[in-house]
Amino acid sequence: MASVRILKRDINYVLGDIIEAVYIWELTNPDKDNKKAEAIIDEAINTFDELIEKVNAKDVENKKKHFKAINQELEDRGRKLIDKINAL
């Protein structure tokens, strides 16, 4: 992990791109129900808040291990959100 700043930027970009993909789906499918899409957006926002809170935690013993775990969680949760978008 290069820095906390880069991790925060990655979290922002990944989840921002997921939200953008949902908005694009909504625009290209105006006749479909958007409740599932809105739920994905809400989940992405909650994921962002949770991950940023973990990054900003001060009471961490092993910072390198902690940040690697956050990065892995970002990848896992991001993939799940993308799978949900693809299932729409």
N, C-alpha and C. Protein backbone atom coordinates (compact mmCIF):
# COMPACT_ATOMS: atom_id res chain seq x y z
N MET A 1 0.85 -1.17 0.00
CA MET A 1 0.00 0.00 0.00
C MET A 1 0.89 1.23 0.00
N ALA A 2 0.73 2.06 -1.00
CA ALA A 2 1.59 3.23 -1.15
C ALA A 2 1.25 4.30 -0.12
N SER A 3 -0.02 4.63 0.02
CA SER A 3 -0.38 5.64 1.00
C SER A 3 -1.87 5.59 1.28
N VAL A 4 -2.24 6.22 2.38
CA VAL A 4 -3.64 6.29 2.76
C VAL A 4 -4.41 7.12 1.74
N ARG A 5 -3.76 8.15 1.23
CA ARG A 5 -4.41 9.03 0.24
C ARG A 5 -4.81 8.24 -1.01
N ILE A 6 -3.92 7.37 -1.46
CA ILE A 6 -4.22 6.57 -2.65
C ILE A 6 -5.35 5.59 -2.37
N LEU A 7 -5.37 4.99 -1.18
CA LEU A 7 -6.46 4.08 -0.82
C LEU A 7 -7.79 4.82 -0.80
N LYS A 8 -7.82 6.00 -0.22
CA LYS A 8 -9.05 6.79 -0.21
C LYS A 8 -9.49 7.15 -1.62
N ARG A 9 -8.54 7.48 -2.47
CA ARG A 9 -8.86 7.82 -3.86
C ARG A 9 -9.42 6.60 -4.58
N ASP A 10 -8.82 5.42 -4.35
CA ASP A 10 -9.32 4.20 -4.97
C ASP A 10 -10.75 3.89 -4.54
N ILE A 11 -11.02 4.05 -3.24
CA ILE A 11 -12.37 3.83 -2.73
C ILE A 11 -13.34 4.77 -3.43
N ASN A 12 -12.97 6.02 -3.53
CA ASN A 12 -13.82 7.02 -4.16
C ASN A 12 -14.07 6.70 -5.63
N TYR A 13 -13.01 6.36 -6.36
CA TYR A 13 -13.15 6.08 -7.79
C TYR A 13 -13.97 4.82 -8.06
N VAL A 14 -13.67 3.76 -7.34
CA VAL A 14 -14.37 2.48 -7.59
C VAL A 14 -15.86 2.63 -7.32
N LEU A 15 -16.19 3.15 -6.15
CA LEU A 15 -17.61 3.26 -5.80
C LEU A 15 -18.30 4.34 -6.62
N GLY A 16 -17.58 5.39 -6.98
CA GLY A 16 -18.15 6.41 -7.86
C GLY A 16 -18.46 5.86 -9.24
N ASP A 17 -17.57 5.03 -9.76
CA ASP A 17 -17.81 4.40 -11.06
C ASP A 17 -19.00 3.45 -11.01
N ILE A 18 -19.16 2.76 -9.90
CA ILE A 18 -20.30 1.84 -9.75
C ILE A 18 -21.61 2.64 -9.74
N ILE A 19 -21.63 3.73 -9.00
CA ILE A 19 -22.83 4.58 -8.97
C ILE A 19 -23.12 5.15 -10.35
N GLU A 20 -22.07 5.56 -11.04
CA GLU A 20 -22.24 6.09 -12.40
C GLU A 20 -22.81 5.02 -13.33
N ALA A 21 -22.35 3.78 -13.18
CA ALA A 21 -22.87 2.69 -14.01
C ALA A 21 -24.35 2.46 -13.75
N VAL A 22 -24.77 2.60 -12.51
CA VAL A 22 -26.20 2.44 -12.20
C VAL A 22 -27.00 3.57 -12.84
N TYR A 23 -26.49 4.79 -12.78
CA TYR A 23 -27.20 5.90 -13.41
C TYR A 23 -27.30 5.70 -14.93
N ILE A 24 -26.26 5.21 -15.53
CA ILE A 24 -26.30 4.93 -16.97
C ILE A 24 -27.34 3.86 -17.27
N TRP A 25 -27.38 2.83 -16.42
CA TRP A 25 -28.39 1.77 -16.61
C TRP A 25 -29.79 2.36 -16.52
N GLU A 26 -30.00 3.24 -15.54
CA GLU A 26 -31.31 3.86 -15.38
C GLU A 26 -31.69 4.68 -16.60
N LEU A 27 -30.72 5.41 -17.17
CA LEU A 27 -31.02 6.23 -18.34
C LEU A 27 -31.30 5.40 -19.58
N THR A 28 -30.65 4.25 -19.70
CA THR A 28 -30.85 3.41 -20.88
C THR A 28 -32.05 2.49 -20.73
N ASN A 29 -32.59 2.38 -19.52
CA ASN A 29 -33.75 1.53 -19.29
C ASN A 29 -34.83 2.31 -18.54
N PRO A 30 -35.39 3.35 -19.16
CA PRO A 30 -36.37 4.18 -18.44
C PRO A 30 -37.69 3.46 -18.16
N ASP A 31 -37.97 2.40 -18.91
CA ASP A 31 -39.24 1.69 -18.73
C ASP A 31 -39.19 0.66 -17.60
N LYS A 32 -38.02 0.36 -17.08
CA LYS A 32 -37.90 -0.64 -16.03
C LYS A 32 -37.97 0.01 -14.65
N ASP A 33 -38.28 -0.82 -13.65
CA ASP A 33 -38.39 -0.34 -12.27
C ASP A 33 -37.00 -0.02 -11.72
N ASN A 34 -36.87 1.15 -11.13
CA ASN A 34 -35.57 1.61 -10.64
C ASN A 34 -35.32 1.33 -9.17
N LYS A 35 -36.21 0.61 -8.50
CA LYS A 35 -36.04 0.39 -7.07
C LYS A 35 -34.79 -0.44 -6.76
N LYS A 36 -34.52 -1.45 -7.58
CA LYS A 36 -33.32 -2.27 -7.37
C LYS A 36 -32.06 -1.44 -7.64
N ALA A 37 -32.12 -0.60 -8.65
CA ALA A 37 -30.97 0.25 -8.99
C ALA A 37 -30.70 1.24 -7.86
N GLU A 38 -31.74 1.82 -7.31
CA GLU A 38 -31.57 2.76 -6.20
C GLU A 38 -31.01 2.06 -4.97
N ALA A 39 -31.39 0.79 -4.76
CA ALA A 39 -30.85 0.02 -3.64
C ALA A 39 -29.36 -0.22 -3.82
N ILE A 40 -28.92 -0.43 -5.06
CA ILE A 40 -27.49 -0.61 -5.33
C ILE A 40 -26.73 0.68 -5.03
N ILE A 41 -27.30 1.81 -5.40
CA ILE A 41 -26.66 3.10 -5.11
C ILE A 41 -26.54 3.31 -3.61
N ASP A 42 -27.62 3.01 -2.89
CA ASP A 42 -27.59 3.15 -1.43
C ASP A 42 -26.53 2.24 -0.81
N GLU A 43 -26.42 1.02 -1.33
CA GLU A 43 -25.42 0.08 -0.82
C GLU A 43 -24.00 0.59 -1.11
N ALA A 44 -23.80 1.17 -2.28
CA ALA A 44 -22.48 1.72 -2.63
C ALA A 44 -22.12 2.89 -1.71
N ILE A 45 -23.08 3.72 -1.41
CA ILE A 45 -22.82 4.85 -0.51
C ILE A 45 -22.51 4.35 0.90
N ASN A 46 -23.25 3.36 1.36
CA ASN A 46 -22.98 2.78 2.69
C ASN A 46 -21.60 2.14 2.73
N THR A 47 -21.24 1.45 1.65
CA THR A 47 -19.92 0.82 1.56
C THR A 47 -18.83 1.89 1.63
N PHE A 48 -19.02 2.97 0.91
CA PHE A 48 -18.06 4.09 0.93
C PHE A 48 -17.88 4.61 2.35
N ASP A 49 -19.00 4.86 3.02
CA ASP A 49 -18.92 5.40 4.39
C ASP A 49 -18.20 4.44 5.32
N GLU A 50 -18.51 3.15 5.22
CA GLU A 50 -17.89 2.16 6.10
C GLU A 50 -16.38 2.04 5.84
N LEU A 51 -15.99 2.02 4.57
CA LEU A 51 -14.58 1.86 4.25
C LEU A 51 -13.77 3.10 4.65
N ILE A 52 -14.31 4.28 4.42
CA ILE A 52 -13.61 5.50 4.81
C ILE A 52 -13.47 5.56 6.33
N GLU A 53 -14.50 5.12 7.02
CA GLU A 53 -14.42 5.08 8.49
C GLU A 53 -13.31 4.14 8.95
N LYS A 54 -13.18 2.99 8.27
CA LYS A 54 -12.11 2.05 8.62
C LYS A 54 -10.73 2.64 8.30
N VAL A 55 -10.62 3.35 7.19
CA VAL A 55 -9.34 3.97 6.83
C VAL A 55 -8.93 5.00 7.87
N ASN A 56 -9.89 5.75 8.37
CA ASN A 56 -9.61 6.82 9.32
C ASN A 56 -9.46 6.33 10.76
N ALA A 57 -9.62 5.04 11.01
CA ALA A 57 -9.49 4.51 12.37
C ALA A 57 -8.07 4.74 12.88
N LYS A 58 -7.96 5.22 14.08
CA LYS A 58 -6.65 5.55 14.66
C LYS A 58 -6.10 4.44 15.56
N ASP A 59 -6.95 3.58 16.06
CA ASP A 59 -6.52 2.55 17.02
C ASP A 59 -6.17 1.23 16.32
N VAL A 60 -5.27 1.29 15.35
CA VAL A 60 -4.88 0.13 14.57
C VAL A 60 -3.47 -0.29 14.98
N GLU A 61 -3.32 -1.59 15.25
CA GLU A 61 -1.99 -2.08 15.65
C GLU A 61 -1.06 -2.22 14.45
N ASN A 62 -1.47 -3.00 13.46
CA ASN A 62 -0.65 -3.25 12.28
C ASN A 62 -1.28 -2.52 11.09
N LYS A 63 -0.79 -1.33 10.80
CA LYS A 63 -1.41 -0.51 9.76
C LYS A 63 -1.34 -1.14 8.38
N LYS A 64 -0.21 -1.74 8.05
CA LYS A 64 -0.05 -2.33 6.73
C LYS A 64 -1.08 -3.43 6.50
N LYS A 65 -1.24 -4.29 7.48
CA LYS A 65 -2.22 -5.39 7.38
C LYS A 65 -3.64 -4.83 7.33
N HIS A 66 -3.89 -3.80 8.12
CA HIS A 66 -5.21 -3.18 8.18
C HIS A 66 -5.60 -2.59 6.82
N PHE A 67 -4.68 -1.86 6.20
CA PHE A 67 -4.98 -1.23 4.92
C PHE A 67 -5.10 -2.26 3.80
N LYS A 68 -4.32 -3.32 3.85
CA LYS A 68 -4.46 -4.39 2.85
C LYS A 68 -5.83 -5.04 2.97
N ALA A 69 -6.30 -5.23 4.21
CA ALA A 69 -7.62 -5.81 4.42
C ALA A 69 -8.71 -4.89 3.87
N ILE A 70 -8.55 -3.60 4.06
CA ILE A 70 -9.53 -2.64 3.53
C ILE A 70 -9.53 -2.68 2.00
N ASN A 71 -8.36 -2.75 1.41
CA ASN A 71 -8.25 -2.83 -0.06
C ASN A 71 -8.93 -4.09 -0.58
N GLN A 72 -8.72 -5.20 0.10
CA GLN A 72 -9.35 -6.46 -0.31
C GLN A 72 -10.87 -6.39 -0.15
N GLU A 73 -11.32 -5.77 0.93
CA GLU A 73 -12.76 -5.61 1.14
C GLU A 73 -13.37 -4.74 0.05
N LEU A 74 -12.65 -3.70 -0.37
CA LEU A 74 -13.12 -2.85 -1.46
C LEU A 74 -13.30 -3.67 -2.73
N GLU A 75 -12.32 -4.51 -3.04
CA GLU A 75 -12.42 -5.35 -4.24
C GLU A 75 -13.60 -6.31 -4.15
N ASP A 76 -13.77 -6.96 -3.01
CA ASP A 76 -14.85 -7.93 -2.84
C ASP A 76 -16.22 -7.27 -2.94
N ARG A 77 -16.39 -6.21 -2.19
CA ARG A 77 -17.69 -5.53 -2.18
C ARG A 77 -17.97 -4.86 -3.52
N GLY A 78 -16.93 -4.36 -4.18
CA GLY A 78 -17.10 -3.77 -5.50
C GLY A 78 -17.55 -4.79 -6.52
N ARG A 79 -16.96 -5.97 -6.46
CA ARG A 79 -17.37 -7.04 -7.39
C ARG A 79 -18.82 -7.46 -7.16
N LYS A 80 -19.23 -7.52 -5.91
CA LYS A 80 -20.61 -7.89 -5.60
C LYS A 80 -21.57 -6.84 -6.15
N LEU A 81 -21.23 -5.58 -6.01
CA LEU A 81 -22.07 -4.52 -6.54
C LEU A 81 -22.14 -4.57 -8.06
N ILE A 82 -21.02 -4.84 -8.69
CA ILE A 82 -21.01 -4.96 -10.16
C ILE A 82 -21.85 -6.14 -10.61
N ASP A 83 -21.77 -7.24 -9.88
CA ASP A 83 -22.62 -8.39 -10.22
C ASP A 83 -24.10 -8.04 -10.10
N LYS A 84 -24.44 -7.24 -9.10
CA LYS A 84 -25.84 -6.82 -8.95
C LYS A 84 -26.27 -5.92 -10.11
N ILE A 85 -25.37 -5.06 -10.56
CA ILE A 85 -25.70 -4.21 -11.72
C ILE A 85 -25.91 -5.07 -12.95
N ASN A 86 -25.05 -6.04 -13.14
CA ASN A 86 -25.18 -6.92 -14.31
C ASN A 86 -26.45 -7.74 -14.27
N ALA A 87 -26.95 -8.01 -13.06
CA ALA A 87 -28.19 -8.80 -12.93
C ALA A 87 -29.44 -7.97 -13.18
N LEU A 88 -29.29 -6.65 -13.22
CA LEU A 88 -30.47 -5.81 -13.49
C LEU A 88 -30.92 -6.10 -14.88
